[in-house]
Amino acid sequence: MHQFIEAAGIAIQAIWSSKLRSLLTVIGNVVAVTSIIAVVSLVQGLNASVTDAIQSQFAADAFTVARRPLTLTDEDEQRVASNPRVTLDDAAALRSYGGAIGMVMAESDTNDEVKYRETTIDSVQIRGVTKEYLSIPSTAIERGRPITPTEFDNGRRVVLLGWETADKLFPEVDPLDKTIIVGGSHFRVVGIGPKRGTILGQSQDEWVVMPLAAMQRVFGTRLGLQLTVRPTDPALVKTAMDQATVALRVERRLRPKEDDNFGILSSDTFLNLYHQATTGIFALLIGVVGLSLVVGGIVIMNIMLMVVSERTREIGLRKSLGARKRDVLWQILTESVTLSTFGGLVGTGLGFLVAWIISRLSPLPAIVEPWSVVLGISMTAIVGLFFGLYPAMRAAALDPIEALRRE
């Protein structure tokens, strides 16, 4: 330990005495570690945001029945283009099947303008839902009351507003029991949702929810439906999806060899697609970082060879005074590792800064993972050790007499 501290002290003095050369020497490591910290921070932030966005649309213990499945090619898109729309009969078939299928909510949505007196908001998400909406935990009401089952059944023209919608329409008055215009029809506001903020720059609070029957009277049935299904137990999601497939195939009278003419989607469906799409990108980024580390290591090796050449007489003197080969080897290796790790520390600070700047200037959040810091610094230490080994072995192999004679 004493030898290590002494060698590290000598290395730090060498770095400090040649600041510019040291900085230029470790520039490859600085770039590599800056990239590691910045990329990992942004990737982790992006992953968290995408996961939140997907799970806000698809609860972890629920799935969606839609007209079309997720398609990745034009051929698949053409194959499912003629799928029939999801109907209330499909919802009834799922409810009557029972088994692991619990709640089944039918929903239709569109975007339209919403008015209150002289104030208009364009392109607000309008959702028409059935009364099962009341049983979804994420649909809490902050002010006012929920839509009652009777209002759902009778298609009453009442609405719930997202926090941002209410704030824009009613900046100075209480929105409850006020009448707004949606799709050219009058609706009474009965409740306000809690503030949820934004995900990837998209507001989660600009929406209007109304009974599905009321929405269909205003907008017609051409919008189509999708069904949100929750199993009787969160552990039975996969079983419920299989049973929903059977129920819909029976309802639509599909023969055994015919493909499903509907789609069943869950949060895992989109998360898996996202991870498949980004794996190649992340691998490419890792390759670029690795290349920077190799270039940085080669530069460090060349600089350490130059250092050994400059200090040949010093090494010869040390060996003539009793220093062993391993002492010289250890000293040069320690200097190489210290120099390389110094680049890692600088790169860590710059990585934090780059990630913070990007998160401030864009909707991309940054999440700093401790393991990325440990990984970045550890990799630079390993690079210093690996690329410093050859110069250290050359220094250790010097003959003390020949070294002292060298000018």
Protein backbone atom coordinates (compact mmCIF):
# COMPACT_ATOMS: atom_id res chain seq x y z
CA MET A 1 0.00 0.00 0.00
CA HIS A 2 2.85 2.39 0.84
CA GLN A 3 4.44 1.73 -2.58
CA PHE A 4 1.15 2.40 -4.30
CA ILE A 5 0.61 5.71 -2.46
CA GLU A 6 4.19 6.78 -3.21
CA ALA A 7 3.88 5.85 -6.90
CA ALA A 8 0.50 7.57 -7.15
CA GLY A 9 2.00 10.69 -5.59
CA ILE A 10 4.81 10.69 -8.16
CA ALA A 11 2.25 10.24 -10.94
CA ILE A 12 0.11 13.13 -9.69
CA GLN A 13 3.20 15.37 -9.51
CA ALA A 14 4.07 14.39 -13.10
CA ILE A 15 0.53 15.18 -14.24
CA TRP A 16 0.54 18.52 -12.44
CA SER A 17 3.95 19.54 -13.78
CA SER A 18 2.85 18.89 -17.38
CA LYS A 19 -0.80 19.92 -17.30
CA LEU A 20 -1.30 20.48 -21.02
CA ARG A 21 0.49 17.29 -22.04
CA SER A 22 -1.47 15.32 -19.46
CA LEU A 23 -4.77 16.74 -20.68
CA LEU A 24 -3.94 15.98 -24.32
CA THR A 25 -2.80 12.50 -23.30
CA VAL A 26 -6.10 11.57 -21.68
CA ILE A 27 -8.37 13.34 -24.17
CA GLY A 28 -9.51 10.00 -25.60
CA ASN A 29 -10.48 8.76 -22.14
CA VAL A 30 -12.21 12.06 -21.38
CA VAL A 31 -14.31 11.77 -24.55
CA ALA A 32 -15.11 8.10 -23.88
CA VAL A 33 -16.19 8.57 -20.27
CA THR A 34 -18.10 11.76 -21.09
CA SER A 35 -19.97 9.72 -23.69
CA ILE A 36 -20.62 6.87 -21.25
CA ILE A 37 -22.02 9.11 -18.52
CA ALA A 38 -24.04 11.35 -20.86
CA VAL A 39 -25.42 8.51 -22.99
CA VAL A 40 -26.30 6.25 -20.07
CA SER A 41 -27.95 9.14 -18.21
CA LEU A 42 -30.04 10.11 -21.22
CA VAL A 43 -30.84 6.51 -22.14
CA GLN A 44 -31.99 5.72 -18.61
CA GLY A 45 -34.07 8.88 -18.56
CA LEU A 46 -35.54 8.05 -21.96
CA ASN A 47 -36.28 4.47 -20.90
CA ALA A 48 -38.06 5.69 -17.76
CA SER A 49 -40.09 8.23 -19.74
CA VAL A 50 -41.05 5.78 -22.46
CA THR A 51 -42.03 3.20 -19.84
CA ASP A 52 -44.15 5.77 -18.01
CA ALA A 53 -45.76 6.88 -21.28
CA ILE A 54 -46.61 3.32 -22.29
CA GLN A 55 -47.83 2.31 -18.86
CA SER A 56 -49.97 5.43 -18.65
CA GLN A 57 -51.79 4.12 -21.74
CA PHE A 58 -51.60 0.43 -20.82
CA ALA A 59 -51.78 -0.44 -17.14
CA ALA A 60 -49.37 -3.17 -16.05
CA ASP A 61 -52.28 -5.43 -15.03
CA ALA A 62 -54.48 -4.75 -18.08
CA PHE A 63 -54.48 -5.14 -21.85
CA THR A 64 -56.30 -3.62 -24.80
CA VAL A 65 -58.39 -5.21 -27.52
CA ALA A 66 -58.13 -3.13 -30.69
CA ARG A 67 -59.14 -3.39 -34.32
CA ARG A 68 -55.59 -4.08 -35.44
CA PRO A 69 -52.56 -5.73 -33.82
CA LEU A 70 -49.16 -4.05 -33.77
CA THR A 71 -47.70 -4.28 -37.29
CA LEU A 72 -44.09 -3.72 -38.39
CA THR A 73 -44.24 -4.25 -42.16
CA ASP A 74 -46.38 -3.00 -45.05
CA GLU A 75 -47.41 -6.57 -45.76
CA ASP A 76 -48.76 -7.01 -42.22
CA GLU A 77 -50.48 -3.63 -42.43
CA GLN A 78 -52.28 -4.62 -45.63
CA ARG A 79 -53.27 -7.97 -44.12
CA VAL A 80 -55.06 -6.39 -41.15
CA ALA A 81 -56.45 -3.34 -42.98
CA SER A 82 -59.82 -5.05 -43.51
CA ASN A 83 -60.25 -6.13 -39.88
CA PRO A 84 -63.77 -5.37 -38.61
CA ARG A 85 -64.16 -2.69 -35.97
CA VAL A 86 -64.40 -3.60 -32.31
CA THR A 87 -68.02 -3.41 -31.14
CA LEU A 88 -70.03 -3.46 -27.94
CA ASP A 89 -71.00 -7.04 -28.86
CA ASP A 90 -67.30 -7.93 -28.56
CA ALA A 91 -67.26 -6.34 -25.10
CA ALA A 92 -70.36 -8.32 -24.11
CA ALA A 93 -68.73 -11.55 -25.36
CA LEU A 94 -65.69 -10.93 -23.17
CA ARG A 95 -67.81 -10.15 -20.11
CA SER A 96 -69.93 -13.27 -20.57
CA TYR A 97 -66.86 -15.50 -20.99
CA GLY A 98 -65.87 -14.98 -17.35
CA GLY A 99 -62.87 -17.03 -16.25
CA ALA A 100 -59.83 -14.84 -15.68
CA ILE A 101 -61.47 -11.90 -17.51
CA GLY A 102 -62.64 -9.32 -14.99
CA MET A 103 -63.45 -5.74 -15.94
CA VAL A 104 -64.11 -4.88 -19.62
CA MET A 105 -64.33 -1.17 -20.49
CA ALA A 106 -65.30 0.03 -23.96
CA GLU A 107 -63.73 3.30 -25.09
CA SER A 108 -63.76 5.59 -28.10
CA ASP A 109 -61.54 8.63 -28.54
CA THR A 110 -60.89 11.51 -30.86
CA ASN A 111 -59.43 15.00 -30.81
CA ASP A 112 -61.64 18.06 -31.06
CA GLU A 113 -61.93 21.63 -29.85
CA VAL A 114 -63.47 22.48 -26.48
CA LYS A 115 -65.13 25.84 -25.77
CA TYR A 116 -66.29 27.84 -22.79
CA ARG A 117 -67.73 31.23 -23.70
CA GLU A 118 -64.95 33.02 -25.59
CA THR A 119 -62.20 30.55 -24.72
CA THR A 120 -61.37 27.72 -27.12
CA ILE A 121 -58.79 24.93 -26.83
CA ASP A 122 -57.92 23.11 -30.04
CA SER A 123 -57.19 19.41 -30.41
CA VAL A 124 -58.11 18.18 -26.93
CA GLN A 125 -58.29 14.42 -26.39
CA ILE A 126 -61.97 13.45 -26.07
CA ARG A 127 -62.66 10.03 -24.54
CA GLY A 128 -66.00 8.29 -24.35
CA VAL A 129 -66.02 5.42 -21.85
CA THR A 130 -68.42 2.95 -20.28
CA LYS A 131 -69.12 2.80 -16.55
CA GLU A 132 -66.27 0.34 -15.90
CA TYR A 133 -64.08 3.46 -16.07
CA LEU A 134 -65.06 4.04 -12.43
CA SER A 135 -63.17 0.91 -11.34
CA ILE A 136 -59.81 1.95 -12.80
CA PRO A 137 -57.49 3.19 -9.98
CA SER A 138 -55.71 5.75 -12.18
CA THR A 139 -58.95 7.66 -12.83
CA ALA A 140 -59.09 9.43 -9.48
CA ILE A 141 -60.96 12.73 -9.28
CA GLU A 142 -59.30 15.61 -7.45
CA ARG A 143 -62.29 17.97 -7.33
CA GLY A 144 -65.98 17.43 -7.84
CA ARG A 145 -67.36 13.93 -8.33
CA PRO A 146 -67.07 11.04 -10.78
CA ILE A 147 -69.69 10.34 -13.42
CA THR A 148 -72.36 8.09 -11.86
CA PRO A 149 -73.34 4.66 -13.24
CA THR A 150 -76.80 6.04 -14.04
CA GLU A 151 -75.28 8.88 -16.05
CA PHE A 152 -73.18 6.34 -17.95
CA ASP A 153 -76.16 4.09 -18.67
CA ASN A 154 -78.36 6.98 -19.81
CA GLY A 155 -75.65 8.73 -21.80
CA ARG A 156 -76.03 12.00 -19.88
CA ARG A 157 -74.04 14.94 -21.21
CA VAL A 158 -71.64 15.32 -18.31
CA VAL A 159 -67.84 15.42 -18.45
CA LEU A 160 -64.68 15.13 -16.42
CA LEU A 161 -61.87 17.52 -17.31
CA GLY A 162 -58.12 17.05 -17.16
CA TRP A 163 -56.32 19.51 -14.90
CA GLU A 164 -54.80 21.49 -17.78
CA THR A 165 -58.05 21.61 -19.73
CA ALA A 166 -59.86 23.01 -16.69
CA ASP A 167 -57.06 25.51 -16.02
CA LYS A 168 -57.14 26.86 -19.59
CA LEU A 169 -60.92 27.06 -19.85
CA PHE A 170 -61.53 28.39 -16.33
CA PRO A 171 -58.43 30.34 -15.23
CA GLU A 172 -60.35 32.48 -12.74
CA VAL A 173 -63.61 30.65 -11.95
CA ASP A 174 -64.65 27.31 -10.50
CA PRO A 175 -65.29 24.93 -13.44
CA LEU A 176 -67.68 22.64 -11.55
CA ASP A 177 -71.26 22.73 -12.85
CA LYS A 178 -70.25 25.01 -15.71
CA THR A 179 -71.39 24.16 -19.25
CA ILE A 180 -68.82 23.67 -22.02
CA ILE A 181 -69.20 22.91 -25.72
CA VAL A 182 -67.67 19.74 -27.13
CA GLY A 183 -68.35 18.71 -30.72
CA GLY A 184 -71.02 21.41 -30.97
CA SER A 185 -72.98 20.03 -27.98
CA HIS A 186 -73.32 21.26 -24.42
CA PHE A 187 -71.86 19.25 -21.53
CA ARG A 188 -71.87 19.93 -17.79
CA VAL A 189 -68.57 19.69 -15.89
CA VAL A 190 -68.87 17.44 -12.83
CA GLY A 191 -65.25 16.64 -11.92
CA ILE A 192 -61.60 17.60 -12.38
CA GLY A 193 -58.69 15.15 -12.61
CA PRO A 194 -55.41 15.52 -10.66
CA LYS A 195 -52.32 17.11 -12.18
CA ARG A 196 -50.07 14.48 -13.77
CA GLY A 197 -47.52 16.63 -15.65
CA THR A 198 -45.86 15.78 -18.95
CA ILE A 199 -44.10 12.76 -20.44
CA LEU A 200 -41.57 13.44 -23.21
CA GLY A 201 -43.01 16.92 -23.55
CA GLN A 202 -46.60 15.64 -23.99
CA SER A 203 -49.16 16.85 -21.48
CA GLN A 204 -51.06 14.17 -19.55
CA ASP A 205 -53.64 16.67 -18.31
CA GLU A 206 -55.38 17.93 -21.45
CA TRP A 207 -58.38 15.65 -21.87
CA VAL A 208 -62.16 15.37 -21.57
CA VAL A 209 -63.95 12.17 -20.46
CA MET A 210 -67.67 11.58 -21.05
CA PRO A 211 -70.08 8.62 -21.17
CA LEU A 212 -69.57 6.56 -24.33
CA ALA A 213 -73.28 6.74 -25.23
CA ALA A 214 -73.16 10.53 -25.12
CA MET A 215 -70.03 10.63 -27.26
CA GLN A 216 -71.57 8.36 -29.89
CA ARG A 217 -74.64 10.60 -30.12
CA VAL A 218 -72.41 13.65 -30.69
CA PHE A 219 -69.61 12.18 -32.85
CA GLY A 220 -71.31 9.09 -34.27
CA THR A 221 -70.09 5.49 -34.19
CA ARG A 222 -67.60 5.87 -37.05
CA LEU A 223 -64.76 6.43 -34.55
CA GLY A 224 -64.77 2.77 -33.57
CA LEU A 225 -63.99 1.27 -30.17
CA GLN A 226 -61.23 -0.34 -28.22
CA LEU A 227 -61.64 -2.44 -25.08
CA THR A 228 -59.58 -2.25 -21.91
CA VAL A 229 -59.59 -5.56 -20.07
CA ARG A 230 -58.41 -6.24 -16.53
CA PRO A 231 -58.07 -9.82 -15.22
CA THR A 232 -59.65 -10.97 -12.00
CA ASP A 233 -56.12 -11.19 -10.56
CA PRO A 234 -53.01 -9.27 -11.74
CA ALA A 235 -51.12 -12.56 -11.96
CA LEU A 236 -53.60 -13.84 -14.57
CA VAL A 237 -52.93 -11.26 -17.31
CA LYS A 238 -51.55 -13.84 -19.75
CA THR A 239 -54.43 -16.26 -19.01
CA ALA A 240 -56.98 -13.49 -19.50
CA MET A 241 -55.37 -12.53 -22.84
CA ASP A 242 -55.63 -16.15 -24.03
CA GLN A 243 -59.26 -16.36 -22.91
CA ALA A 244 -60.06 -13.04 -24.61
CA THR A 245 -58.62 -14.42 -27.84
CA VAL A 246 -60.87 -17.50 -27.59
CA ALA A 247 -63.95 -15.41 -26.74
CA LEU A 248 -63.43 -13.06 -29.69
CA ARG A 249 -62.73 -15.85 -32.16
CA VAL A 250 -65.98 -17.54 -31.10
CA GLU A 251 -67.91 -14.24 -31.25
CA ARG A 252 -66.56 -13.52 -34.74
CA ARG A 253 -67.01 -17.13 -35.91
CA LEU A 254 -63.43 -17.57 -37.06
CA ARG A 255 -62.42 -20.99 -38.31
CA PRO A 256 -59.44 -22.75 -36.62
CA LYS A 257 -57.02 -21.97 -39.47
CA GLU A 258 -58.10 -18.34 -39.89
CA ASP A 259 -55.91 -15.60 -38.44
CA ASP A 260 -57.20 -13.37 -35.65
CA ASN A 261 -58.96 -10.33 -37.10
CA PHE A 262 -58.30 -8.21 -34.02
CA GLY A 263 -55.33 -7.12 -31.94
CA ILE A 264 -54.54 -7.70 -28.29
CA LEU A 265 -52.00 -5.21 -26.97
CA SER A 266 -50.34 -4.75 -23.60
CA SER A 267 -47.61 -2.56 -22.16
CA ASP A 268 -45.14 -5.43 -22.67
CA THR A 269 -45.96 -5.44 -26.40
CA PHE A 270 -44.76 -1.87 -26.84
CA LEU A 271 -41.92 -2.08 -24.35
CA ASN A 272 -40.48 -5.11 -26.14
CA LEU A 273 -40.79 -3.31 -29.47
CA TYR A 274 -39.05 -0.25 -28.04
CA HIS A 275 -36.19 -2.30 -26.63
CA GLN A 276 -35.76 -4.18 -29.93
CA ALA A 277 -35.65 -0.90 -31.85
CA THR A 278 -33.10 0.72 -29.55
CA THR A 279 -30.79 -2.24 -28.89
CA GLY A 280 -28.87 -1.69 -32.14
CA ILE A 281 -28.51 2.04 -31.49
CA PHE A 282 -27.18 1.50 -28.00
CA ALA A 283 -24.76 -1.17 -29.27
CA LEU A 284 -23.43 1.30 -31.85
CA LEU A 285 -22.92 3.92 -29.14
CA ILE A 286 -21.04 1.41 -27.00
CA GLY A 287 -18.83 0.61 -30.00
CA VAL A 288 -17.99 4.29 -30.47
CA VAL A 289 -17.16 4.60 -26.77
CA GLY A 290 -14.95 1.50 -26.96
CA LEU A 291 -13.10 2.92 -29.96
CA SER A 292 -12.44 6.15 -28.05
CA LEU A 293 -11.02 4.13 -25.15
CA VAL A 294 -8.71 2.16 -27.48
CA VAL A 295 -7.45 5.37 -29.09
CA GLY A 296 -6.96 6.89 -25.65
CA GLY A 297 -5.09 3.80 -24.51
CA ILE A 298 -2.73 3.91 -27.49
CA VAL A 299 -1.99 7.58 -26.80
CA ILE A 300 -1.28 6.79 -23.14
CA MET A 301 1.04 3.93 -24.15
CA ASN A 302 3.02 6.20 -26.47
CA ILE A 303 3.28 8.92 -23.83
CA MET A 304 4.42 6.40 -21.22
CA LEU A 305 7.06 5.09 -23.65
CA MET A 306 8.27 8.67 -24.02
CA VAL A 307 8.28 9.08 -20.24
CA VAL A 308 10.36 5.92 -19.85
CA SER A 309 12.79 7.27 -22.46
CA GLU A 310 13.05 10.62 -20.66
CA ARG A 311 13.61 8.95 -17.29
CA THR A 312 16.02 6.24 -18.42
CA ARG A 313 18.91 7.58 -16.29
CA GLU A 314 16.59 7.94 -13.28
CA ILE A 315 15.41 4.34 -13.68
CA GLY A 316 19.04 3.18 -14.04
CA LEU A 317 19.98 5.04 -10.86
CA ARG A 318 17.09 3.49 -8.94
CA LYS A 319 17.99 0.00 -10.10
CA SER A 320 21.65 0.52 -9.24
CA LEU A 321 20.58 1.53 -5.73
CA GLY A 322 18.66 -1.72 -5.26
CA ALA A 323 15.25 -1.19 -6.90
CA ARG A 324 13.90 -4.47 -8.21
CA LYS A 325 12.27 -5.01 -11.59
CA ARG A 326 8.84 -5.25 -10.01
CA ASP A 327 9.38 -1.91 -8.21
CA VAL A 328 10.04 -0.16 -11.53
CA LEU A 329 7.20 -2.07 -13.19
CA TRP A 330 4.82 -1.09 -10.40
CA GLN A 331 5.80 2.58 -10.56
CA ILE A 332 5.24 2.93 -14.32
CA LEU A 333 1.98 0.97 -14.18
CA THR A 334 0.74 3.14 -11.32
CA GLU A 335 1.57 6.31 -13.25
CA SER A 336 -0.24 4.97 -16.32
CA VAL A 337 -3.33 3.97 -14.33
CA THR A 338 -3.35 7.28 -12.45
CA LEU A 339 -3.06 9.25 -15.67
CA SER A 340 -5.83 7.24 -17.33
CA THR A 341 -8.12 7.44 -14.28
CA PHE A 342 -7.55 11.19 -14.17
CA GLY A 343 -9.09 11.31 -17.65
CA GLY A 344 -11.99 9.21 -16.35
CA LEU A 345 -12.67 11.65 -13.52
CA VAL A 346 -12.61 14.64 -15.88
CA GLY A 347 -14.89 12.77 -18.28
CA THR A 348 -17.32 11.96 -15.45
CA GLY A 349 -17.72 15.62 -14.58
CA LEU A 350 -18.16 16.59 -18.23
CA GLY A 351 -20.66 13.74 -18.72
CA PHE A 352 -22.82 15.07 -15.88
CA LEU A 353 -22.65 18.54 -17.40
CA VAL A 354 -23.55 17.39 -20.94
CA ALA A 355 -26.49 15.29 -19.68
CA TRP A 356 -27.76 18.19 -17.56
CA ILE A 357 -27.53 20.67 -20.45
CA ILE A 358 -29.38 18.33 -22.84
CA SER A 359 -32.10 17.65 -20.25
CA ARG A 360 -32.56 21.40 -19.76
CA LEU A 361 -32.73 22.20 -23.48
CA SER A 362 -34.91 19.28 -24.55
CA PRO A 363 -37.77 17.11 -23.21
CA LEU A 364 -35.29 14.27 -22.67
CA PRO A 365 -34.77 13.69 -18.94
CA ALA A 366 -31.43 12.59 -17.50
CA ILE A 367 -31.08 9.96 -14.79
CA VAL A 368 -27.55 9.51 -13.45
CA GLU A 369 -26.90 5.88 -12.60
CA PRO A 370 -24.15 5.23 -10.01
CA TRP A 371 -23.10 2.09 -11.89
CA SER A 372 -22.32 4.18 -14.99
CA VAL A 373 -19.90 6.30 -12.95
CA VAL A 374 -18.21 3.19 -11.53
CA LEU A 375 -18.12 1.62 -15.01
CA GLY A 376 -16.59 4.70 -16.64
CA ILE A 377 -13.83 5.15 -14.08
CA SER A 378 -13.15 1.40 -13.87
CA MET A 379 -12.81 1.14 -17.65
CA THR A 380 -10.27 3.97 -17.76
CA ALA A 381 -8.28 2.32 -14.96
CA ILE A 382 -8.26 -0.95 -16.90
CA VAL A 383 -7.19 0.89 -20.06
CA GLY A 384 -4.33 2.50 -18.15
CA LEU A 385 -3.29 -0.86 -16.76
CA PHE A 386 -3.45 -2.66 -20.11
CA PHE A 387 -1.76 -0.04 -22.26
CA GLY A 388 0.75 0.84 -19.55
CA LEU A 389 1.97 -2.73 -19.24
CA TYR A 390 4.28 -2.65 -22.28
CA PRO A 391 6.07 0.62 -21.29
CA ALA A 392 6.36 -0.68 -17.71
CA MET A 393 7.92 -3.96 -18.87
CA ARG A 394 10.41 -2.06 -21.04
CA ALA A 395 11.36 0.12 -18.09
CA ALA A 396 11.73 -2.87 -15.79
CA ALA A 397 13.95 -4.67 -18.33
CA LEU A 398 16.46 -1.79 -18.61
CA ASP A 399 20.04 -2.66 -17.71
CA PRO A 400 21.14 -0.21 -14.96
CA ILE A 401 24.66 0.27 -16.42
CA GLU A 402 23.37 0.95 -19.93
CA ALA A 403 20.64 3.20 -18.54
CA LEU A 404 23.16 5.33 -16.60
CA ARG A 405 25.34 5.73 -19.69
CA ARG A 406 22.45 6.99 -21.81
CA GLU A 407 22.43 10.72 -22.46
